[in-house]
Amino acid sequence: MVTRIGRFRRKTRKKMTKKPSVRGKFSITKYLQEFKLGDRVVLKLDSAVQKGMYFPRFHGNSGLIKAKKGRCYEVAIKDIKKEKTVIVHPVHLKKLKK
């Protein structure tokens, strides 16, 4: 079996890039946003904040808020057929509109 070379952020050049107008900045309101249990959210990486970052494979997936752990949230997502729980900081979450 071939061993994988690289770590957590390998092959993420396009996923973690920002537009030049917003590079290096993040909104404080996005950092402090609150969610209720049962809210639908989309996982959207903000590369300026490494805290509470999930595995890049789940980028763009939508999920359901299950619980709150400290400042972060537990989000239940569906990965192919399995349901997985990801712990995510609110900077990397976007509320899904109904």
C-alpha atoms as a PDB file:
ATOM      1  CA  MET A   1       0.000   0.000   0.000  1.00  0.00           C
ATOM      2  CA  VAL A   2       1.274   3.436  -0.914  1.00  0.00           C
ATOM      3  CA  THR A   3       1.567   5.950   1.929  1.00  0.00           C
ATOM      4  CA  ARG A   4       0.093   9.373   1.402  1.00  0.00           C
ATOM      5  CA  ILE A   5       2.580  12.225   1.393  1.00  0.00           C
ATOM      6  CA  GLY A   6       1.354  15.421   2.971  1.00  0.00           C
ATOM      7  CA  ARG A   7      -0.863  16.560   5.783  1.00  0.00           C
ATOM      8  CA  PHE A   8      -4.261  18.098   6.501  1.00  0.00           C
ATOM      9  CA  ARG A   9      -4.187  20.944   3.934  1.00  0.00           C
ATOM     10  CA  ARG A  10      -2.733  19.159   0.905  1.00  0.00           C
ATOM     11  CA  LYS A  11      -4.389  19.810  -2.485  1.00  0.00           C
ATOM     12  CA  THR A  12      -6.472  22.700  -1.138  1.00  0.00           C
ATOM     13  CA  ARG A  13      -5.037  25.574  -3.166  1.00  0.00           C
ATOM     14  CA  LYS A  14      -8.352  26.505  -4.805  1.00  0.00           C
ATOM     15  CA  LYS A  15     -10.604  25.721  -1.819  1.00  0.00           C
ATOM     16  CA  MET A  16      -8.733  28.003   0.554  1.00  0.00           C
ATOM     17  CA  THR A  17      -8.098  30.992  -1.723  1.00  0.00           C
ATOM     18  CA  LYS A  18      -9.973  34.250  -1.289  1.00  0.00           C
ATOM     19  CA  LYS A  19     -10.693  37.063  -3.676  1.00  0.00           C
ATOM     20  CA  PRO A  20      -8.077  39.849  -3.500  1.00  0.00           C
ATOM     21  CA  SER A  21     -10.652  42.293  -2.092  1.00  0.00           C
ATOM     22  CA  VAL A  22     -11.318  40.202   1.040  1.00  0.00           C
ATOM     23  CA  ARG A  23      -7.923  38.579   1.529  1.00  0.00           C
ATOM     24  CA  GLY A  24      -6.691  38.491   5.134  1.00  0.00           C
ATOM     25  CA  LYS A  25      -9.884  39.914   6.601  1.00  0.00           C
ATOM     26  CA  PHE A  26     -12.810  38.360   8.380  1.00  0.00           C
ATOM     27  CA  SER A  27     -15.955  39.914   9.730  1.00  0.00           C
ATOM     28  CA  ILE A  28     -16.279  40.099  13.514  1.00  0.00           C
ATOM     29  CA  THR A  29     -20.033  39.509  13.191  1.00  0.00           C
ATOM     30  CA  LYS A  30     -19.320  36.279  11.330  1.00  0.00           C
ATOM     31  CA  TYR A  31     -16.881  35.298  14.092  1.00  0.00           C
ATOM     32  CA  LEU A  32     -19.489  35.890  16.824  1.00  0.00           C
ATOM     33  CA  GLN A  33     -22.597  34.578  15.025  1.00  0.00           C
ATOM     34  CA  GLU A  34     -24.954  32.282  16.947  1.00  0.00           C
ATOM     35  CA  PHE A  35     -26.941  29.287  15.725  1.00  0.00           C
ATOM     36  CA  LYS A  36     -29.847  27.416  17.288  1.00  0.00           C
ATOM     37  CA  LEU A  37     -30.132  23.655  17.601  1.00  0.00           C
ATOM     38  CA  GLY A  38     -31.656  22.216  14.433  1.00  0.00           C
ATOM     39  CA  ASP A  39     -30.500  25.049  12.117  1.00  0.00           C
ATOM     40  CA  ARG A  40     -29.382  24.058   8.604  1.00  0.00           C
ATOM     41  CA  VAL A  41     -25.888  25.337   7.779  1.00  0.00           C
ATOM     42  CA  VAL A  42     -23.354  25.132   4.945  1.00  0.00           C
ATOM     43  CA  LEU A  43     -19.704  24.380   5.667  1.00  0.00           C
ATOM     44  CA  LYS A  44     -17.657  27.135   4.051  1.00  0.00           C
ATOM     45  CA  LEU A  45     -13.957  27.457   4.937  1.00  0.00           C
ATOM     46  CA  ASP A  46     -12.421  30.778   5.907  1.00  0.00           C
ATOM     47  CA  SER A  47      -8.689  30.293   5.443  1.00  0.00           C
ATOM     48  CA  ALA A  48      -7.793  33.327   7.586  1.00  0.00           C
ATOM     49  CA  VAL A  49      -8.977  31.469  10.725  1.00  0.00           C
ATOM     50  CA  GLN A  50      -7.400  28.077  11.423  1.00  0.00           C
ATOM     51  CA  LYS A  51      -9.238  27.502  14.715  1.00  0.00           C
ATOM     52  CA  GLY A  52     -12.157  25.086  14.412  1.00  0.00           C
ATOM     53  CA  MET A  53     -11.383  24.193  10.800  1.00  0.00           C
ATOM     54  CA  TYR A  54     -12.884  20.927   9.552  1.00  0.00           C
ATOM     55  CA  PHE A  55     -11.359  18.474   7.073  1.00  0.00           C
ATOM     56  CA  PRO A  56     -11.396  20.062   3.582  1.00  0.00           C
ATOM     57  CA  ARG A  57     -13.258  17.104   2.033  1.00  0.00           C
ATOM     58  CA  PHE A  58     -16.461  18.374   3.674  1.00  0.00           C
ATOM     59  CA  HIS A  59     -16.202  21.862   2.090  1.00  0.00           C
ATOM     60  CA  GLY A  60     -19.562  22.925   0.635  1.00  0.00           C
ATOM     61  CA  ASN A  61     -21.600  20.256   2.430  1.00  0.00           C
ATOM     62  CA  SER A  62     -24.752  21.176   4.296  1.00  0.00           C
ATOM     63  CA  GLY A  63     -25.646  19.838   7.711  1.00  0.00           C
ATOM     64  CA  LEU A  64     -27.711  20.191  10.847  1.00  0.00           C
ATOM     65  CA  ILE A  65     -26.587  21.799  14.125  1.00  0.00           C
ATOM     66  CA  LYS A  66     -26.693  19.088  16.810  1.00  0.00           C
ATOM     67  CA  ALA A  67     -25.006  20.701  19.831  1.00  0.00           C
ATOM     68  CA  LYS A  68     -22.681  23.439  21.010  1.00  0.00           C
ATOM     69  CA  LYS A  69     -19.199  22.612  22.361  1.00  0.00           C
ATOM     70  CA  GLY A  70     -17.526  25.665  23.838  1.00  0.00           C
ATOM     71  CA  ARG A  71     -17.405  28.232  21.048  1.00  0.00           C
ATOM     72  CA  CYS A  72     -17.784  25.601  18.319  1.00  0.00           C
ATOM     73  CA  TYR A  73     -20.778  23.657  17.041  1.00  0.00           C
ATOM     74  CA  GLU A  74     -21.326  19.974  16.330  1.00  0.00           C
ATOM     75  CA  VAL A  75     -22.691  19.637  12.804  1.00  0.00           C
ATOM     76  CA  ALA A  76     -24.171  16.373  11.491  1.00  0.00           C
ATOM     77  CA  ILE A  77     -23.366  15.911   7.795  1.00  0.00           C
ATOM     78  CA  LYS A  78     -23.895  13.066   5.377  1.00  0.00           C
ATOM     79  CA  ASP A  79     -20.702  11.694   3.807  1.00  0.00           C
ATOM     80  CA  ILE A  80     -21.777   9.344   1.001  1.00  0.00           C
ATOM     81  CA  LYS A  81     -23.971   6.930   3.066  1.00  0.00           C
ATOM     82  CA  LYS A  82     -22.700   7.543   6.596  1.00  0.00           C
ATOM     83  CA  GLU A  83     -23.746  10.350   8.890  1.00  0.00           C
ATOM     84  CA  LYS A  84     -20.751  12.047  10.478  1.00  0.00           C
ATOM     85  CA  THR A  85     -20.349  14.670  13.179  1.00  0.00           C
ATOM     86  CA  VAL A  86     -17.938  17.528  12.552  1.00  0.00           C
ATOM     87  CA  ILE A  87     -16.910  20.118  15.155  1.00  0.00           C
ATOM     88  CA  VAL A  88     -16.774  23.526  13.457  1.00  0.00           C
ATOM     89  CA  HIS A  89     -16.123  27.116  14.547  1.00  0.00           C
ATOM     90  CA  PRO A  90     -18.925  29.554  13.545  1.00  0.00           C
ATOM     91  CA  VAL A  91     -16.574  31.445  11.177  1.00  0.00           C
ATOM     92  CA  HIS A  92     -16.703  28.433   8.851  1.00  0.00           C
ATOM     93  CA  LEU A  93     -20.510  28.164   8.907  1.00  0.00           C
ATOM     94  CA  LYS A  94     -23.122  29.923   6.809  1.00  0.00           C
ATOM     95  CA  LYS A  95     -26.841  29.728   7.579  1.00  0.00           C
ATOM     96  CA  LEU A  96     -28.837  27.970   4.862  1.00  0.00           C
ATOM     97  CA  LYS A  97     -31.847  29.946   3.681  1.00  0.00           C
ATOM     98  CA  LYS A  98     -35.204  28.171   3.539  1.00  0.00           C
END
